[in-house]
Amino acid sequence: MGGDLTEQEKSALIFTGEGSTNACIARKIHLSTDGLASLVARLMKRSGARNRANLVVRAVQMGWMTITLSDEFSVIERLTELPGTIQ
């Protein structure tokens, strides 16, 4: 399933990787909690992830994002837009 990630998908992955709750992520990206749940479910289906933690792992494996640790051990994600990433 080719294509690029939408801005909402990128943001949802970043905030999921940071451990934010669905309610918090939904507020940050201006979606209802049901809308966010649908977006995350679509990302999980496209990536083959079993749960939210596995979604972040799969996103890294698939090149959708990278994760680095800062000196304070907070997670910082940088999403990449490579050919073959999801829409």
C-alpha atoms as a PDB file:
ATOM      1  CA  MET A   1       0.000   0.000   0.000  1.00  0.00           C
ATOM      2  CA  GLY A   2       2.058   2.860  -1.321  1.00  0.00           C
ATOM      3  CA  GLY A   3       1.772   6.536  -0.681  1.00  0.00           C
ATOM      4  CA  ASP A   4       2.821   8.959   2.005  1.00  0.00           C
ATOM      5  CA  LEU A   5       1.594   9.318   5.552  1.00  0.00           C
ATOM      6  CA  THR A   6      -0.917  12.094   6.115  1.00  0.00           C
ATOM      7  CA  GLU A   7      -0.022  14.825   8.603  1.00  0.00           C
ATOM      8  CA  GLN A   8      -2.543  13.351  11.059  1.00  0.00           C
ATOM      9  CA  GLU A   9      -1.007   9.872  10.667  1.00  0.00           C
ATOM     10  CA  LYS A  10       2.473  11.291  11.256  1.00  0.00           C
ATOM     11  CA  SER A  11       1.343  13.148  14.345  1.00  0.00           C
ATOM     12  CA  ALA A  12      -0.547  10.147  15.687  1.00  0.00           C
ATOM     13  CA  LEU A  13       2.562   7.973  15.324  1.00  0.00           C
ATOM     14  CA  ILE A  14       4.773  10.558  17.045  1.00  0.00           C
ATOM     15  CA  PHE A  15       2.425  10.987  19.997  1.00  0.00           C
ATOM     16  CA  THR A  16       1.822   7.232  20.223  1.00  0.00           C
ATOM     17  CA  GLY A  17       5.585   6.709  20.357  1.00  0.00           C
ATOM     18  CA  GLU A  18       5.786   9.233  23.173  1.00  0.00           C
ATOM     19  CA  GLY A  19       3.195   7.233  25.113  1.00  0.00           C
ATOM     20  CA  SER A  20       0.363   9.770  24.915  1.00  0.00           C
ATOM     21  CA  THR A  21      -3.173   8.559  25.560  1.00  0.00           C
ATOM     22  CA  ASN A  22      -5.750   8.470  22.770  1.00  0.00           C
ATOM     23  CA  ALA A  23      -7.639  11.353  24.403  1.00  0.00           C
ATOM     24  CA  CYS A  24      -4.478  13.476  24.549  1.00  0.00           C
ATOM     25  CA  ILE A  25      -3.497  12.652  20.955  1.00  0.00           C
ATOM     26  CA  ALA A  26      -7.025  13.365  19.709  1.00  0.00           C
ATOM     27  CA  ARG A  27      -6.952  16.831  21.307  1.00  0.00           C
ATOM     28  CA  LYS A  28      -3.511  17.598  19.875  1.00  0.00           C
ATOM     29  CA  ILE A  29      -4.414  16.650  16.301  1.00  0.00           C
ATOM     30  CA  HIS A  30      -7.997  17.959  16.403  1.00  0.00           C
ATOM     31  CA  LEU A  31      -9.874  14.656  16.086  1.00  0.00           C
ATOM     32  CA  SER A  32     -12.567  13.047  18.178  1.00  0.00           C
ATOM     33  CA  THR A  33     -11.383  10.098  20.241  1.00  0.00           C
ATOM     34  CA  ASP A  34     -13.409   7.818  17.959  1.00  0.00           C
ATOM     35  CA  GLY A  35     -11.770   9.403  14.906  1.00  0.00           C
ATOM     36  CA  LEU A  36      -8.343   8.861  16.405  1.00  0.00           C
ATOM     37  CA  ALA A  37      -9.176   5.255  17.300  1.00  0.00           C
ATOM     38  CA  SER A  38     -10.149   4.686  13.643  1.00  0.00           C
ATOM     39  CA  LEU A  39      -6.937   6.326  12.396  1.00  0.00           C
ATOM     40  CA  VAL A  40      -4.771   4.216  14.728  1.00  0.00           C
ATOM     41  CA  ALA A  41      -6.710   1.070  13.761  1.00  0.00           C
ATOM     42  CA  ARG A  42      -6.044   1.805  10.062  1.00  0.00           C
ATOM     43  CA  LEU A  43      -2.332   2.313  10.749  1.00  0.00           C
ATOM     44  CA  MET A  44      -2.233  -0.936  12.724  1.00  0.00           C
ATOM     45  CA  LYS A  45      -3.965  -2.831   9.929  1.00  0.00           C
ATOM     46  CA  ARG A  46      -1.668  -1.423   7.228  1.00  0.00           C
ATOM     47  CA  SER A  47       1.452  -2.150   9.266  1.00  0.00           C
ATOM     48  CA  GLY A  48       0.334  -5.527  10.616  1.00  0.00           C
ATOM     49  CA  ALA A  49       0.730  -4.281  14.195  1.00  0.00           C
ATOM     50  CA  ARG A  50      -0.951  -6.164  17.039  1.00  0.00           C
ATOM     51  CA  ASN A  51      -1.170  -3.225  19.475  1.00  0.00           C
ATOM     52  CA  ARG A  52      -0.023   0.391  19.910  1.00  0.00           C
ATOM     53  CA  ALA A  53       3.464  -0.531  21.095  1.00  0.00           C
ATOM     54  CA  ASN A  54       3.889  -2.897  18.156  1.00  0.00           C
ATOM     55  CA  LEU A  55       2.631  -0.119  15.851  1.00  0.00           C
ATOM     56  CA  VAL A  56       5.601   2.051  16.843  1.00  0.00           C
ATOM     57  CA  VAL A  57       8.002  -0.869  16.332  1.00  0.00           C
ATOM     58  CA  ARG A  58       6.498  -1.664  12.923  1.00  0.00           C
ATOM     59  CA  ALA A  59       6.611   2.039  11.923  1.00  0.00           C
ATOM     60  CA  VAL A  60      10.348   2.061  12.643  1.00  0.00           C
ATOM     61  CA  GLN A  61      10.897  -1.255  10.844  1.00  0.00           C
ATOM     62  CA  MET A  62       8.999  -0.002   7.796  1.00  0.00           C
ATOM     63  CA  GLY A  63      10.929   3.273   7.646  1.00  0.00           C
ATOM     64  CA  TRP A  64       7.947   5.448   8.545  1.00  0.00           C
ATOM     65  CA  MET A  65       9.800   6.919  11.524  1.00  0.00           C
ATOM     66  CA  THR A  66      13.050   6.744  13.439  1.00  0.00           C
ATOM     67  CA  ILE A  67      13.511   6.928  17.200  1.00  0.00           C
ATOM     68  CA  THR A  68      16.433   8.389  19.089  1.00  0.00           C
ATOM     69  CA  LEU A  69      16.904   8.975  22.799  1.00  0.00           C
ATOM     70  CA  SER A  70      17.922  12.375  24.104  1.00  0.00           C
ATOM     71  CA  ASP A  71      20.150  12.942  27.128  1.00  0.00           C
ATOM     72  CA  GLU A  72      17.003  13.040  29.274  1.00  0.00           C
ATOM     73  CA  PHE A  73      15.872   9.684  27.810  1.00  0.00           C
ATOM     74  CA  SER A  74      12.765  11.194  26.258  1.00  0.00           C
ATOM     75  CA  VAL A  75      11.783   9.694  22.941  1.00  0.00           C
ATOM     76  CA  ILE A  76      12.097  11.894  19.870  1.00  0.00           C
ATOM     77  CA  GLU A  77      10.693  10.591  16.610  1.00  0.00           C
ATOM     78  CA  ARG A  78      11.489  11.835  13.144  1.00  0.00           C
ATOM     79  CA  LEU A  79       9.151  10.620  10.460  1.00  0.00           C
ATOM     80  CA  THR A  80      10.560   9.888   7.061  1.00  0.00           C
ATOM     81  CA  GLU A  81       8.711   9.962   3.793  1.00  0.00           C
ATOM     82  CA  LEU A  82      10.227   7.212   1.715  1.00  0.00           C
ATOM     83  CA  PRO A  83       8.885   5.597  -1.420  1.00  0.00           C
ATOM     84  CA  GLY A  84       6.540   2.805  -0.376  1.00  0.00           C
ATOM     85  CA  THR A  85       5.332   4.362   2.889  1.00  0.00           C
ATOM     86  CA  ILE A  86       1.637   4.238   3.611  1.00  0.00           C
ATOM     87  CA  GLN A  87      -1.140   6.662   2.734  1.00  0.00           C
END
